[in-house]
Amino acid sequence: MPASSIPWPHAPTHQLAHQGTYFITARTYEAAHHFRGASRLAVLHRGLLRLAYDFDWQLEAWAVFSNHYHFVAHSPAREPDASSLRAMLSLLHEKTAKWVNRIDRAPGRKVWFNYRETRLTYQKSYLSRLNYTHQNAVKHGLVAAAHLYPWCSASWFERMASPAQVKAIYRFRTDRLKLDDEFKVAPEW
């Protein structure tokens, strides 16, 4: 394989040629805790929800932390593919980086690293990632029950879905998922 065609490990090839449901993980540069604390988490959380709405991505699950986030979403039905994800996340990362750098008086500091997306084509994989995303704050040891973490979708999901749906989703195993999520998060939120 010619050297120019080998993908860099820090810049994964984004496969966005199809409509569908995607699982996204993004992290900060060097997993730094730029969004430590309630006010910073609130800005990142609000930014993600707002831009998903603006770009017509239908969120089903999300979790935002001091140094990374995850979400599961359906690409816009009115578009032939999922390429708007790139623009949406670029804008989210640009705006939140400028904001946090202004607060920290660190102009030009690199805040975001990259994101990884997985198109979910198997129902069990999709349902497991929904559960994984809802439960991520528990996995990271921030709360005892997912609905107690304010910057994730668990409380919204538990209010909006039927008790049977909640029970069914929360039963899906997540221990077999191979995900890049070994981030140590800031304990204060």
N, C-alpha and C. Protein backbone atom coordinates (compact mmCIF):
# COMPACT_ATOMS: atom_id res chain seq x y z
N MET A 1 0.85 -1.17 0.00
CA MET A 1 0.00 0.00 0.00
C MET A 1 0.90 1.24 0.00
N PRO A 2 0.70 2.18 -0.91
CA PRO A 2 1.51 3.39 -0.92
C PRO A 2 1.32 4.18 0.37
N ALA A 3 2.38 4.79 0.85
CA ALA A 3 2.35 5.53 2.11
C ALA A 3 1.26 6.60 2.12
N SER A 4 0.99 7.24 1.00
CA SER A 4 0.01 8.31 0.97
C SER A 4 -1.42 7.81 1.17
N SER A 5 -1.67 6.52 0.99
CA SER A 5 -3.03 6.01 1.15
C SER A 5 -3.27 5.36 2.51
N ILE A 6 -2.25 5.33 3.37
CA ILE A 6 -2.41 4.77 4.70
C ILE A 6 -3.07 5.83 5.59
N PRO A 7 -4.24 5.50 6.18
CA PRO A 7 -4.90 6.50 7.03
C PRO A 7 -4.11 6.74 8.30
N TRP A 8 -4.05 8.00 8.71
CA TRP A 8 -3.38 8.34 9.96
C TRP A 8 -4.23 7.88 11.12
N PRO A 9 -3.63 7.36 12.19
CA PRO A 9 -4.43 6.88 13.31
C PRO A 9 -5.20 7.99 14.00
N HIS A 10 -4.73 9.24 13.94
CA HIS A 10 -5.43 10.34 14.60
C HIS A 10 -6.49 10.96 13.70
N ALA A 11 -6.62 10.51 12.48
CA ALA A 11 -7.62 11.04 11.56
C ALA A 11 -8.29 9.88 10.84
N PRO A 12 -9.22 9.23 11.51
CA PRO A 12 -9.85 8.06 10.88
C PRO A 12 -10.60 8.45 9.62
N THR A 13 -10.66 7.55 8.69
CA THR A 13 -11.44 7.78 7.48
C THR A 13 -12.91 7.75 7.86
N HIS A 14 -13.61 8.81 7.53
CA HIS A 14 -15.03 8.89 7.88
C HIS A 14 -15.86 8.30 6.75
N GLN A 15 -16.67 7.34 7.09
CA GLN A 15 -17.52 6.63 6.13
C GLN A 15 -18.95 7.16 6.25
N LEU A 16 -19.27 8.20 5.50
CA LEU A 16 -20.55 8.88 5.66
C LEU A 16 -21.37 8.87 4.37
N ALA A 17 -21.14 7.89 3.52
CA ALA A 17 -21.78 7.86 2.20
C ALA A 17 -23.21 7.36 2.23
N HIS A 18 -23.68 6.90 3.39
CA HIS A 18 -25.03 6.34 3.46
C HIS A 18 -25.85 6.99 4.55
N GLN A 19 -27.14 7.11 4.31
CA GLN A 19 -28.05 7.47 5.38
C GLN A 19 -28.02 6.35 6.41
N GLY A 20 -28.41 6.66 7.62
CA GLY A 20 -28.48 5.59 8.60
C GLY A 20 -28.41 6.09 10.01
N THR A 21 -28.22 5.16 10.91
CA THR A 21 -28.07 5.44 12.32
C THR A 21 -26.60 5.26 12.66
N TYR A 22 -26.06 6.24 13.36
CA TYR A 22 -24.62 6.26 13.65
C TYR A 22 -24.37 6.38 15.15
N PHE A 23 -23.28 5.75 15.58
CA PHE A 23 -22.77 5.91 16.93
C PHE A 23 -21.50 6.75 16.80
N ILE A 24 -21.44 7.85 17.52
CA ILE A 24 -20.33 8.80 17.43
C ILE A 24 -19.63 8.91 18.78
N THR A 25 -18.31 8.92 18.74
CA THR A 25 -17.49 9.24 19.91
C THR A 25 -16.49 10.31 19.49
N ALA A 26 -16.40 11.36 20.28
CA ALA A 26 -15.39 12.40 20.05
C ALA A 26 -14.69 12.68 21.38
N ARG A 27 -13.42 13.03 21.27
CA ARG A 27 -12.70 13.34 22.51
C ARG A 27 -11.86 14.59 22.33
N THR A 28 -11.48 15.15 23.44
CA THR A 28 -10.62 16.33 23.42
C THR A 28 -9.18 15.90 23.14
N TYR A 29 -8.40 16.86 22.73
CA TYR A 29 -7.00 16.62 22.45
C TYR A 29 -6.29 16.19 23.73
N GLU A 30 -5.58 15.08 23.66
CA GLU A 30 -4.87 14.49 24.80
C GLU A 30 -5.81 14.19 25.97
N ALA A 31 -7.10 14.04 25.68
CA ALA A 31 -8.13 13.73 26.67
C ALA A 31 -8.14 14.74 27.83
N ALA A 32 -7.77 15.99 27.51
CA ALA A 32 -7.75 17.05 28.53
C ALA A 32 -9.17 17.38 28.98
N HIS A 33 -9.32 17.74 30.23
CA HIS A 33 -10.63 18.01 30.83
C HIS A 33 -11.05 19.47 30.63
N HIS A 34 -11.18 19.88 29.40
CA HIS A 34 -11.55 21.26 29.09
C HIS A 34 -12.97 21.60 29.52
N PHE A 35 -13.83 20.59 29.66
CA PHE A 35 -15.24 20.84 29.98
C PHE A 35 -15.58 20.36 31.39
N ARG A 36 -14.62 20.51 32.29
CA ARG A 36 -14.77 20.13 33.69
C ARG A 36 -15.70 21.13 34.38
N GLY A 37 -16.67 20.62 35.10
CA GLY A 37 -17.58 21.47 35.87
C GLY A 37 -18.92 21.66 35.18
N ALA A 38 -19.92 21.95 35.98
CA ALA A 38 -21.30 22.03 35.50
C ALA A 38 -21.51 23.07 34.40
N SER A 39 -20.95 24.25 34.56
CA SER A 39 -21.21 25.30 33.56
C SER A 39 -20.60 24.96 32.21
N ARG A 40 -19.45 24.36 32.20
CA ARG A 40 -18.80 23.99 30.94
C ARG A 40 -19.51 22.80 30.29
N LEU A 41 -19.88 21.82 31.11
CA LEU A 41 -20.64 20.69 30.58
C LEU A 41 -21.96 21.15 29.97
N ALA A 42 -22.59 22.12 30.62
CA ALA A 42 -23.87 22.63 30.12
C ALA A 42 -23.70 23.27 28.74
N VAL A 43 -22.62 23.99 28.54
CA VAL A 43 -22.38 24.63 27.23
C VAL A 43 -22.16 23.57 26.15
N LEU A 44 -21.34 22.57 26.43
CA LEU A 44 -21.09 21.52 25.45
C LEU A 44 -22.37 20.72 25.17
N HIS A 45 -23.09 20.39 26.21
CA HIS A 45 -24.35 19.64 26.09
C HIS A 45 -25.36 20.42 25.24
N ARG A 46 -25.56 21.69 25.58
CA ARG A 46 -26.50 22.54 24.84
C ARG A 46 -26.07 22.69 23.39
N GLY A 47 -24.77 22.84 23.16
CA GLY A 47 -24.25 22.96 21.80
C GLY A 47 -24.52 21.73 20.97
N LEU A 48 -24.30 20.55 21.54
CA LEU A 48 -24.56 19.30 20.83
C LEU A 48 -26.04 19.18 20.48
N LEU A 49 -26.91 19.40 21.45
CA LEU A 49 -28.35 19.27 21.20
C LEU A 49 -28.83 20.29 20.17
N ARG A 50 -28.34 21.53 20.26
CA ARG A 50 -28.77 22.58 19.35
C ARG A 50 -28.33 22.28 17.92
N LEU A 51 -27.08 21.91 17.75
CA LEU A 51 -26.58 21.66 16.39
C LEU A 51 -27.18 20.39 15.79
N ALA A 52 -27.42 19.39 16.60
CA ALA A 52 -28.10 18.20 16.08
C ALA A 52 -29.48 18.60 15.54
N TYR A 53 -30.17 19.44 16.27
CA TYR A 53 -31.47 19.93 15.82
C TYR A 53 -31.33 20.75 14.54
N ASP A 54 -30.38 21.69 14.54
CA ASP A 54 -30.18 22.56 13.37
C ASP A 54 -29.81 21.77 12.11
N PHE A 55 -29.04 20.71 12.29
CA PHE A 55 -28.59 19.90 11.14
C PHE A 55 -29.54 18.74 10.85
N ASP A 56 -30.62 18.65 11.61
CA ASP A 56 -31.66 17.65 11.39
C ASP A 56 -31.20 16.23 11.67
N TRP A 57 -30.26 16.08 12.61
CA TRP A 57 -29.85 14.76 13.07
C TRP A 57 -30.76 14.40 14.24
N GLN A 58 -31.40 13.26 14.19
CA GLN A 58 -32.34 12.83 15.22
C GLN A 58 -31.59 12.05 16.29
N LEU A 59 -31.35 12.72 17.42
CA LEU A 59 -30.64 12.07 18.53
C LEU A 59 -31.55 11.07 19.24
N GLU A 60 -30.97 9.93 19.59
CA GLU A 60 -31.69 8.93 20.38
C GLU A 60 -31.04 8.71 21.73
N ALA A 61 -29.75 8.95 21.81
CA ALA A 61 -29.02 8.81 23.07
C ALA A 61 -27.79 9.69 22.99
N TRP A 62 -27.39 10.28 24.13
CA TRP A 62 -26.20 11.12 24.16
C TRP A 62 -25.65 11.14 25.59
N ALA A 63 -24.37 11.41 25.70
CA ALA A 63 -23.70 11.55 26.98
C ALA A 63 -22.49 12.46 26.76
N VAL A 64 -22.40 13.50 27.59
CA VAL A 64 -21.35 14.52 27.45
C VAL A 64 -20.53 14.54 28.74
N PHE A 65 -19.20 14.54 28.59
CA PHE A 65 -18.30 14.50 29.74
C PHE A 65 -17.22 15.57 29.60
N SER A 66 -16.36 15.64 30.59
CA SER A 66 -15.32 16.67 30.63
C SER A 66 -14.33 16.57 29.48
N ASN A 67 -14.16 15.38 28.90
CA ASN A 67 -13.15 15.22 27.85
C ASN A 67 -13.61 14.38 26.65
N HIS A 68 -14.88 14.04 26.60
CA HIS A 68 -15.40 13.30 25.45
C HIS A 68 -16.92 13.29 25.46
N TYR A 69 -17.48 12.82 24.38
CA TYR A 69 -18.92 12.61 24.32
C TYR A 69 -19.24 11.46 23.37
N HIS A 70 -20.45 10.94 23.53
CA HIS A 70 -20.98 9.89 22.66
C HIS A 70 -22.40 10.30 22.28
N PHE A 71 -22.82 9.85 21.11
CA PHE A 71 -24.24 9.93 20.80
C PHE A 71 -24.61 8.91 19.74
N VAL A 72 -25.88 8.56 19.73
CA VAL A 72 -26.49 7.72 18.71
C VAL A 72 -27.54 8.58 18.04
N ALA A 73 -27.48 8.66 16.70
CA ALA A 73 -28.42 9.52 15.99
C ALA A 73 -28.67 9.00 14.58
N HIS A 74 -29.84 9.37 14.06
CA HIS A 74 -30.21 9.05 12.69
C HIS A 74 -29.83 10.24 11.81
N SER A 75 -29.24 9.96 10.67
CA SER A 75 -28.89 11.03 9.72
C SER A 75 -30.17 11.65 9.16
N PRO A 76 -30.08 12.87 8.63
CA PRO A 76 -31.27 13.55 8.11
C PRO A 76 -31.94 12.77 6.98
N ALA A 77 -33.24 12.61 7.09
CA ALA A 77 -34.01 11.86 6.09
C ALA A 77 -34.03 12.59 4.75
N ARG A 78 -33.90 13.91 4.77
CA ARG A 78 -33.98 14.68 3.53
C ARG A 78 -32.67 14.71 2.75
N GLU A 79 -31.63 14.11 3.30
CA GLU A 79 -30.32 14.11 2.64
C GLU A 79 -29.99 12.70 2.16
N PRO A 80 -29.23 12.59 1.06
CA PRO A 80 -28.94 11.26 0.50
C PRO A 80 -27.89 10.47 1.29
N ASP A 81 -27.18 11.14 2.19
CA ASP A 81 -26.11 10.48 2.93
C ASP A 81 -25.98 11.13 4.30
N ALA A 82 -24.90 10.81 4.99
CA ALA A 82 -24.68 11.33 6.34
C ALA A 82 -23.55 12.35 6.38
N SER A 83 -23.20 12.91 5.23
CA SER A 83 -22.04 13.81 5.17
C SER A 83 -22.21 15.09 5.98
N SER A 84 -23.43 15.46 6.34
CA SER A 84 -23.61 16.67 7.15
C SER A 84 -23.06 16.49 8.56
N LEU A 85 -22.79 15.25 8.97
CA LEU A 85 -22.19 15.02 10.28
C LEU A 85 -20.86 15.76 10.40
N ARG A 86 -20.08 15.72 9.35
CA ARG A 86 -18.77 16.38 9.36
C ARG A 86 -18.93 17.88 9.65
N ALA A 87 -19.85 18.53 8.96
CA ALA A 87 -20.06 19.97 9.15
C ALA A 87 -20.62 20.25 10.54
N MET A 88 -21.54 19.41 10.99
CA MET A 88 -22.14 19.61 12.31
C MET A 88 -21.08 19.53 13.41
N LEU A 89 -20.26 18.49 13.38
CA LEU A 89 -19.25 18.33 14.43
C LEU A 89 -18.13 19.35 14.30
N SER A 90 -17.80 19.73 13.08
CA SER A 90 -16.80 20.78 12.90
C SER A 90 -17.26 22.08 13.55
N LEU A 91 -18.53 22.41 13.35
CA LEU A 91 -19.07 23.64 13.95
C LEU A 91 -19.14 23.51 15.47
N LEU A 92 -19.58 22.37 15.96
CA LEU A 92 -19.62 22.16 17.41
C LEU A 92 -18.23 22.31 18.01
N HIS A 93 -17.26 21.67 17.40
CA HIS A 93 -15.90 21.72 17.94
C HIS A 93 -15.29 23.11 17.82
N GLU A 94 -15.53 23.77 16.71
CA GLU A 94 -15.01 25.13 16.54
C GLU A 94 -15.60 26.08 17.59
N LYS A 95 -16.92 26.07 17.73
CA LYS A 95 -17.58 27.01 18.66
C LYS A 95 -17.20 26.71 20.12
N THR A 96 -17.22 25.44 20.50
CA THR A 96 -16.91 25.13 21.89
C THR A 96 -15.43 25.34 22.20
N ALA A 97 -14.56 25.10 21.23
CA ALA A 97 -13.13 25.35 21.44
C ALA A 97 -12.87 26.84 21.62
N LYS A 98 -13.44 27.65 20.78
CA LYS A 98 -13.26 29.11 20.92
C LYS A 98 -13.81 29.60 22.25
N TRP A 99 -14.97 29.06 22.64
CA TRP A 99 -15.58 29.49 23.90
C TRP A 99 -14.70 29.11 25.09
N VAL A 100 -14.27 27.85 25.17
CA VAL A 100 -13.48 27.40 26.32
C VAL A 100 -12.10 28.06 26.31
N ASN A 101 -11.54 28.31 25.14
CA ASN A 101 -10.25 28.99 25.09
C ASN A 101 -10.36 30.45 25.53
N ARG A 102 -11.48 31.07 25.23
CA ARG A 102 -11.69 32.45 25.69
C ARG A 102 -11.81 32.45 27.21
N ILE A 103 -12.56 31.52 27.78
CA ILE A 103 -12.73 31.42 29.23
C ILE A 103 -11.39 31.17 29.92
N ASP A 104 -10.57 30.29 29.34
CA ASP A 104 -9.28 29.92 29.93
C ASP A 104 -8.14 30.86 29.53
N ARG A 105 -8.44 31.84 28.71
CA ARG A 105 -7.41 32.76 28.19
C ARG A 105 -6.26 31.98 27.55
N ALA A 106 -6.67 31.07 26.66
CA ALA A 106 -5.70 30.21 25.96
C ALA A 106 -6.01 30.24 24.46
N PRO A 107 -5.85 31.41 23.82
CA PRO A 107 -6.22 31.51 22.41
C PRO A 107 -5.40 30.56 21.53
N GLY A 108 -6.09 29.92 20.60
CA GLY A 108 -5.41 29.03 19.67
C GLY A 108 -5.09 27.64 20.18
N ARG A 109 -5.36 27.38 21.44
CA ARG A 109 -5.08 26.05 22.01
C ARG A 109 -5.93 25.00 21.28
N LYS A 110 -5.34 23.86 20.99
CA LYS A 110 -6.08 22.77 20.37
C LYS A 110 -6.94 22.11 21.44
N VAL A 111 -8.24 22.08 21.20
CA VAL A 111 -9.17 21.54 22.18
C VAL A 111 -9.67 20.16 21.78
N TRP A 112 -10.08 20.00 20.53
CA TRP A 112 -10.67 18.74 20.08
C TRP A 112 -9.67 17.92 19.28
N PHE A 113 -9.78 16.61 19.41
CA PHE A 113 -8.89 15.71 18.69
C PHE A 113 -9.54 15.25 17.39
N ASN A 114 -10.57 14.46 17.47
CA ASN A 114 -11.25 13.97 16.29
C ASN A 114 -12.50 13.25 16.76
N TYR A 115 -13.18 12.64 15.83
CA TYR A 115 -14.34 11.83 16.18
C TYR A 115 -14.29 10.54 15.38
N ARG A 116 -14.99 9.55 15.89
CA ARG A 116 -15.15 8.27 15.20
C ARG A 116 -16.64 7.99 15.09
N GLU A 117 -17.02 7.52 13.93
CA GLU A 117 -18.41 7.15 13.74
C GLU A 117 -18.50 5.69 13.31
N THR A 118 -19.57 5.07 13.70
CA THR A 118 -19.88 3.71 13.28
C THR A 118 -21.32 3.70 12.80
N ARG A 119 -21.51 3.27 11.58
CA ARG A 119 -22.88 3.13 11.07
C ARG A 119 -23.44 1.83 11.63
N LEU A 120 -24.58 1.92 12.27
CA LEU A 120 -25.17 0.78 12.94
C LEU A 120 -26.13 0.09 11.99
N THR A 121 -25.79 -1.12 11.62
CA THR A 121 -26.59 -1.85 10.63
C THR A 121 -27.25 -3.10 11.19
N TYR A 122 -26.92 -3.46 12.43
CA TYR A 122 -27.52 -4.62 13.07
C TYR A 122 -28.31 -4.15 14.28
N GLN A 123 -29.53 -4.64 14.42
CA GLN A 123 -30.40 -4.17 15.49
C GLN A 123 -29.78 -4.36 16.88
N LYS A 124 -29.17 -5.50 17.14
CA LYS A 124 -28.58 -5.74 18.46
C LYS A 124 -27.45 -4.76 18.75
N SER A 125 -26.65 -4.46 17.74
CA SER A 125 -25.57 -3.50 17.89
C SER A 125 -26.13 -2.11 18.21
N TYR A 126 -27.17 -1.75 17.49
CA TYR A 126 -27.84 -0.46 17.70
C TYR A 126 -28.40 -0.37 19.11
N LEU A 127 -29.13 -1.37 19.54
CA LEU A 127 -29.76 -1.35 20.85
C LEU A 127 -28.72 -1.40 21.98
N SER A 128 -27.65 -2.14 21.78
CA SER A 128 -26.57 -2.17 22.77
C SER A 128 -25.91 -0.81 22.91
N ARG A 129 -25.71 -0.12 21.80
CA ARG A 129 -25.08 1.21 21.85
C ARG A 129 -26.02 2.26 22.44
N LEU A 130 -27.31 2.09 22.24
CA LEU A 130 -28.26 2.97 22.94
C LEU A 130 -28.09 2.81 24.44
N ASN A 131 -28.10 1.57 24.91
CA ASN A 131 -27.93 1.30 26.33
C ASN A 131 -26.57 1.81 26.82
N TYR A 132 -25.53 1.53 26.06
CA TYR A 132 -24.19 1.96 26.44
C TYR A 132 -24.12 3.47 26.63
N THR A 133 -24.70 4.20 25.69
CA THR A 133 -24.66 5.66 25.76
C THR A 133 -25.46 6.17 26.95
N HIS A 134 -26.67 5.65 27.14
CA HIS A 134 -27.47 6.07 28.29
C HIS A 134 -26.74 5.79 29.60
N GLN A 135 -26.05 4.66 29.69
CA GLN A 135 -25.42 4.21 30.94
C GLN A 135 -23.98 4.67 31.11
N ASN A 136 -23.46 5.49 30.21
CA ASN A 136 -22.03 5.80 30.21
C ASN A 136 -21.57 6.53 31.47
N ALA A 137 -22.41 7.38 32.04
CA ALA A 137 -22.03 8.08 33.28
C ALA A 137 -21.86 7.09 34.43
N VAL A 138 -22.63 6.02 34.42
CA VAL A 138 -22.49 4.97 35.44
C VAL A 138 -21.18 4.23 35.21
N LYS A 139 -20.89 3.90 33.95
CA LYS A 139 -19.64 3.21 33.60
C LYS A 139 -18.43 4.00 34.10
N HIS A 140 -18.50 5.32 33.96
CA HIS A 140 -17.38 6.17 34.37
C HIS A 140 -17.38 6.48 35.87
N GLY A 141 -18.34 5.93 36.61
CA GLY A 141 -18.37 6.10 38.06
C GLY A 141 -18.85 7.45 38.54
N LEU A 142 -19.57 8.18 37.71
CA LEU A 142 -20.04 9.52 38.10
C LEU A 142 -21.34 9.49 38.88
N VAL A 143 -22.19 8.52 38.61
CA VAL A 143 -23.48 8.39 39.28
C VAL A 143 -23.80 6.92 39.48
N ALA A 144 -24.71 6.65 40.41
CA ALA A 144 -25.14 5.27 40.65
C ALA A 144 -26.22 4.83 39.67
N ALA A 145 -27.00 5.79 39.19
CA ALA A 145 -28.07 5.50 38.21
C ALA A 145 -27.98 6.53 37.09
N ALA A 146 -28.09 6.08 35.88
CA ALA A 146 -27.85 6.93 34.71
C ALA A 146 -28.72 8.18 34.68
N HIS A 147 -29.98 8.07 35.11
CA HIS A 147 -30.88 9.22 35.04
C HIS A 147 -30.47 10.36 35.99
N LEU A 148 -29.52 10.12 36.86
CA LEU A 148 -29.04 11.15 37.78
C LEU A 148 -27.99 12.07 37.16
N TYR A 149 -27.45 11.69 36.03
CA TYR A 149 -26.43 12.50 35.36
C TYR A 149 -27.14 13.47 34.40
N PRO A 150 -27.02 14.77 34.62
CA PRO A 150 -27.81 15.73 33.84
C PRO A 150 -27.39 15.92 32.39
N TRP A 151 -26.21 15.47 32.01
CA TRP A 151 -25.73 15.72 30.65
C TRP A 151 -25.74 14.46 29.80
N CYS A 152 -26.75 13.66 30.02
CA CYS A 152 -26.96 12.49 29.18
C CYS A 152 -28.46 12.32 28.94
N SER A 153 -28.79 11.41 28.09
CA SER A 153 -30.18 11.23 27.66
C SER A 153 -30.99 10.29 28.53
N ALA A 154 -30.41 9.68 29.53
CA ALA A 154 -31.11 8.64 30.29
C ALA A 154 -32.40 9.14 30.93
N SER A 155 -32.38 10.29 31.58
CA SER A 155 -33.62 10.77 32.23
C SER A 155 -34.68 11.11 31.18
N TRP A 156 -34.26 11.71 30.07
CA TRP A 156 -35.18 12.01 28.97
C TRP A 156 -35.79 10.71 28.44
N PHE A 157 -34.94 9.72 28.18
CA PHE A 157 -35.38 8.43 27.66
C PHE A 157 -36.38 7.77 28.61
N GLU A 158 -36.08 7.79 29.90
CA GLU A 158 -36.95 7.15 30.87
C GLU A 158 -38.31 7.85 31.00
N ARG A 159 -38.34 9.15 30.73
CA ARG A 159 -39.62 9.90 30.74
C ARG A 159 -40.42 9.67 29.46
N MET A 160 -39.74 9.59 28.31
CA MET A 160 -40.42 9.56 27.01
C MET A 160 -40.80 8.16 26.54
N ALA A 161 -40.03 7.17 26.90
CA ALA A 161 -40.29 5.80 26.44
C ALA A 161 -41.23 5.10 27.43
N SER A 162 -41.86 4.06 26.96
CA SER A 162 -42.71 3.27 27.85
C SER A 162 -41.82 2.49 28.82
N PRO A 163 -42.34 2.11 29.97
CA PRO A 163 -41.54 1.30 30.89
C PRO A 163 -41.01 0.02 30.24
N ALA A 164 -41.80 -0.58 29.36
CA ALA A 164 -41.36 -1.80 28.67
C ALA A 164 -40.18 -1.51 27.75
N GLN A 165 -40.22 -0.37 27.05
CA GLN A 165 -39.10 0.00 26.17
C GLN A 165 -37.83 0.25 26.97
N VAL A 166 -37.96 0.97 28.07
CA VAL A 166 -36.80 1.25 28.93
C VAL A 166 -36.20 -0.06 29.42
N LYS A 167 -37.04 -0.93 29.91
CA LYS A 167 -36.57 -2.22 30.43
C LYS A 167 -35.88 -3.03 29.33
N ALA A 168 -36.47 -3.03 28.15
CA ALA A 168 -35.89 -3.78 27.03
C ALA A 168 -34.52 -3.23 26.62
N ILE A 169 -34.40 -1.92 26.49
CA ILE A 169 -33.11 -1.31 26.09
C ILE A 169 -32.07 -1.54 27.18
N TYR A 170 -32.44 -1.34 28.43
CA TYR A 170 -31.48 -1.46 29.52
C TYR A 170 -31.04 -2.91 29.75
N ARG A 171 -31.70 -3.86 29.13
CA ARG A 171 -31.28 -5.26 29.23
C ARG A 171 -30.17 -5.63 28.26
N PHE A 172 -29.96 -4.82 27.23
CA PHE A 172 -28.96 -5.17 26.23
C PHE A 172 -27.56 -5.07 26.82
N ARG A 173 -26.78 -6.12 26.55
CA ARG A 173 -25.42 -6.19 27.08
C ARG A 173 -24.53 -5.18 26.37
N THR A 174 -23.62 -4.62 27.13
CA THR A 174 -22.66 -3.68 26.56
C THR A 174 -21.22 -4.14 26.76
N ASP A 175 -21.02 -5.19 27.54
CA ASP A 175 -19.67 -5.62 27.87
C ASP A 175 -18.91 -6.21 26.68
N ARG A 176 -19.60 -6.58 25.63
CA ARG A 176 -18.93 -7.15 24.46
C ARG A 176 -18.65 -6.12 23.38
N LEU A 177 -19.11 -4.91 23.58
CA LEU A 177 -18.86 -3.86 22.59
C LEU A 177 -17.37 -3.50 22.62
N LYS A 178 -16.81 -3.32 21.45
CA LYS A 178 -15.41 -2.91 21.35
C LYS A 178 -15.40 -1.42 21.01
N LEU A 179 -15.26 -0.61 22.06
CA LEU A 179 -15.34 0.84 21.90
C LEU A 179 -14.12 1.50 22.52
N ASP A 180 -13.70 2.59 21.92
CA ASP A 180 -12.61 3.40 22.45
C ASP A 180 -13.20 4.36 23.48
N ASP A 181 -13.26 3.91 24.74
CA ASP A 181 -13.87 4.73 25.78
C ASP A 181 -13.20 4.50 27.12
N GLU A 182 -11.91 4.47 27.11
CA GLU A 182 -11.16 4.28 28.36
C GLU A 182 -10.68 5.63 28.89
N PHE A 183 -11.53 6.63 28.80
CA PHE A 183 -11.18 7.98 29.25
C PHE A 183 -11.46 8.11 30.73
N LYS A 184 -10.54 8.74 31.41
CA LYS A 184 -10.79 9.09 32.80
C LYS A 184 -11.46 10.46 32.78
N VAL A 185 -12.67 10.53 33.35
CA VAL A 185 -13.41 11.78 33.32
C VAL A 185 -13.21 12.53 34.62
N ALA A 186 -13.45 13.82 34.57
CA ALA A 186 -13.36 14.63 35.79
C ALA A 186 -14.53 14.27 36.69
N PRO A 187 -14.27 14.01 37.97
CA PRO A 187 -15.35 13.58 38.86
C PRO A 187 -16.34 14.69 39.24
N GLU A 188 -15.91 15.94 39.14
CA GLU A 188 -16.81 17.03 39.53
C GLU A 188 -17.65 17.49 38.34
N TRP A 189 -18.91 17.55 38.57
CA TRP A 189 -19.83 18.02 37.56
C TRP A 189 -20.90 18.81 38.23
